[in-house]
Amino acid sequence: MRDADPYRIYWRSRRGLLELDLLLVPFARDVYASLADPLRADYRRLLEAEDPDILAWLQGQTEPPRALQMIVSLIRRHV
């Protein structure tokens, strides 16, 4: 995803899967703009993943790729 605008990220965080929307939308709304650039890039990378994978990572069912572990941890803590 090339555009890092917080408004666009907010809308990109709306996945259509309620469980993900409840986790990602508040994070995008409340936290994304305050993240350092590397973590913003990690969040954009996370949004490129498939919904079932993201949900499994956020619910702790599977481990996210090493590059996404920090952003997944931040999202979990925000909830």
C-alpha atoms as a PDB file:
ATOM      1  CA  MET A   1       0.000   0.000   0.000  1.00  0.00           C
ATOM      2  CA  ARG A   2       1.653   3.189  -1.169  1.00  0.00           C
ATOM      3  CA  ASP A   3      -0.497   5.754   0.613  1.00  0.00           C
ATOM      4  CA  ALA A   4       0.257   6.170   4.307  1.00  0.00           C
ATOM      5  CA  ASP A   5      -2.379   8.858   4.943  1.00  0.00           C
ATOM      6  CA  PRO A   6      -4.026   8.101   8.319  1.00  0.00           C
ATOM      7  CA  TYR A   7      -7.494   8.657   6.840  1.00  0.00           C
ATOM      8  CA  ARG A   8      -6.870   6.104   4.103  1.00  0.00           C
ATOM      9  CA  ILE A   9      -5.326   3.709   6.604  1.00  0.00           C
ATOM     10  CA  TYR A  10      -8.448   4.012   8.753  1.00  0.00           C
ATOM     11  CA  TRP A  11     -10.638   2.984   5.829  1.00  0.00           C
ATOM     12  CA  ARG A  12      -8.231   0.243   4.762  1.00  0.00           C
ATOM     13  CA  SER A  13      -8.455  -1.123   8.309  1.00  0.00           C
ATOM     14  CA  ARG A  14     -12.155  -1.798   7.812  1.00  0.00           C
ATOM     15  CA  ARG A  15     -12.029  -5.379   6.661  1.00  0.00           C
ATOM     16  CA  GLY A  16     -15.675  -6.426   6.661  1.00  0.00           C
ATOM     17  CA  LEU A  17     -14.994  -9.114   9.239  1.00  0.00           C
ATOM     18  CA  LEU A  18     -16.431  -7.913  12.539  1.00  0.00           C
ATOM     19  CA  GLU A  19     -13.697  -9.457  14.679  1.00  0.00           C
ATOM     20  CA  LEU A  20     -11.007  -7.655  12.696  1.00  0.00           C
ATOM     21  CA  ASP A  21     -12.937  -4.400  12.505  1.00  0.00           C
ATOM     22  CA  LEU A  22     -13.187  -4.354  16.299  1.00  0.00           C
ATOM     23  CA  LEU A  23      -9.407  -4.689  16.566  1.00  0.00           C
ATOM     24  CA  LEU A  24      -8.012  -2.772  13.616  1.00  0.00           C
ATOM     25  CA  VAL A  25     -10.339   0.227  13.278  1.00  0.00           C
ATOM     26  CA  PRO A  26      -9.803   1.531  16.840  1.00  0.00           C
ATOM     27  CA  PHE A  27      -6.064   1.010  16.469  1.00  0.00           C
ATOM     28  CA  ALA A  28      -5.983   2.902  13.175  1.00  0.00           C
ATOM     29  CA  ARG A  29      -8.124   5.675  14.614  1.00  0.00           C
ATOM     30  CA  ASP A  30      -6.357   6.056  17.965  1.00  0.00           C
ATOM     31  CA  VAL A  31      -2.757   4.966  17.458  1.00  0.00           C
ATOM     32  CA  TYR A  32      -1.605   4.854  13.827  1.00  0.00           C
ATOM     33  CA  ALA A  33      -0.879   8.584  13.453  1.00  0.00           C
ATOM     34  CA  SER A  34       1.364   8.562  16.535  1.00  0.00           C
ATOM     35  CA  LEU A  35       3.501   5.593  15.435  1.00  0.00           C
ATOM     36  CA  ALA A  36       7.080   5.962  14.269  1.00  0.00           C
ATOM     37  CA  ASP A  37       7.535   5.510  10.515  1.00  0.00           C
ATOM     38  CA  PRO A  38       8.881   1.933  10.738  1.00  0.00           C
ATOM     39  CA  LEU A  39       5.837   0.829  12.748  1.00  0.00           C
ATOM     40  CA  ARG A  40       3.512   2.588  10.311  1.00  0.00           C
ATOM     41  CA  ALA A  41       5.150   0.611   7.536  1.00  0.00           C
ATOM     42  CA  ASP A  42       4.657  -2.588   9.548  1.00  0.00           C
ATOM     43  CA  TYR A  43       0.970  -1.782   9.981  1.00  0.00           C
ATOM     44  CA  ARG A  44       0.573  -1.191   6.245  1.00  0.00           C
ATOM     45  CA  ARG A  45       2.308  -4.526   5.626  1.00  0.00           C
ATOM     46  CA  LEU A  46      -0.079  -6.179   8.067  1.00  0.00           C
ATOM     47  CA  LEU A  47      -3.023  -4.798   6.107  1.00  0.00           C
ATOM     48  CA  GLU A  48      -1.731  -6.527   2.990  1.00  0.00           C
ATOM     49  CA  ALA A  49      -2.114  -9.953   4.642  1.00  0.00           C
ATOM     50  CA  GLU A  50      -5.168 -12.160   4.298  1.00  0.00           C
ATOM     51  CA  ASP A  51      -7.930 -11.639   6.862  1.00  0.00           C
ATOM     52  CA  PRO A  52      -7.784 -15.173   8.331  1.00  0.00           C
ATOM     53  CA  ASP A  53      -4.031 -14.803   8.898  1.00  0.00           C
ATOM     54  CA  ILE A  54      -4.408 -11.396  10.561  1.00  0.00           C
ATOM     55  CA  LEU A  55      -7.171 -12.691  12.809  1.00  0.00           C
ATOM     56  CA  ALA A  56      -5.139 -15.755  13.822  1.00  0.00           C
ATOM     57  CA  TRP A  57      -2.140 -13.535  14.670  1.00  0.00           C
ATOM     58  CA  LEU A  58      -4.209 -11.090  16.695  1.00  0.00           C
ATOM     59  CA  GLN A  59      -5.988 -13.865  18.578  1.00  0.00           C
ATOM     60  CA  GLY A  60      -2.695 -15.591  19.326  1.00  0.00           C
ATOM     61  CA  GLN A  61      -3.628 -18.738  17.436  1.00  0.00           C
ATOM     62  CA  THR A  62      -0.533 -18.530  15.234  1.00  0.00           C
ATOM     63  CA  GLU A  63       2.672 -16.518  15.328  1.00  0.00           C
ATOM     64  CA  PRO A  64       2.923 -13.600  12.922  1.00  0.00           C
ATOM     65  CA  PRO A  65       5.989 -13.259  10.727  1.00  0.00           C
ATOM     66  CA  ARG A  66       8.915 -11.869  12.684  1.00  0.00           C
ATOM     67  CA  ALA A  67       8.664  -8.509  10.894  1.00  0.00           C
ATOM     68  CA  LEU A  68       5.075  -8.058  12.114  1.00  0.00           C
ATOM     69  CA  GLN A  69       5.410  -9.252  15.703  1.00  0.00           C
ATOM     70  CA  MET A  70       5.818  -5.773  17.188  1.00  0.00           C
ATOM     71  CA  ILE A  71       2.803  -4.268  15.424  1.00  0.00           C
ATOM     72  CA  VAL A  72       0.650  -7.276  16.316  1.00  0.00           C
ATOM     73  CA  SER A  73       1.714  -6.865  19.942  1.00  0.00           C
ATOM     74  CA  LEU A  74       0.809  -3.161  19.871  1.00  0.00           C
ATOM     75  CA  ILE A  75      -2.623  -3.891  18.420  1.00  0.00           C
ATOM     76  CA  ARG A  76      -3.272  -6.538  21.066  1.00  0.00           C
ATOM     77  CA  ARG A  77      -2.279  -4.126  23.833  1.00  0.00           C
ATOM     78  CA  HIS A  78      -4.477  -1.376  22.446  1.00  0.00           C
ATOM     79  CA  VAL A  79      -7.546  -3.556  22.767  1.00  0.00           C
END
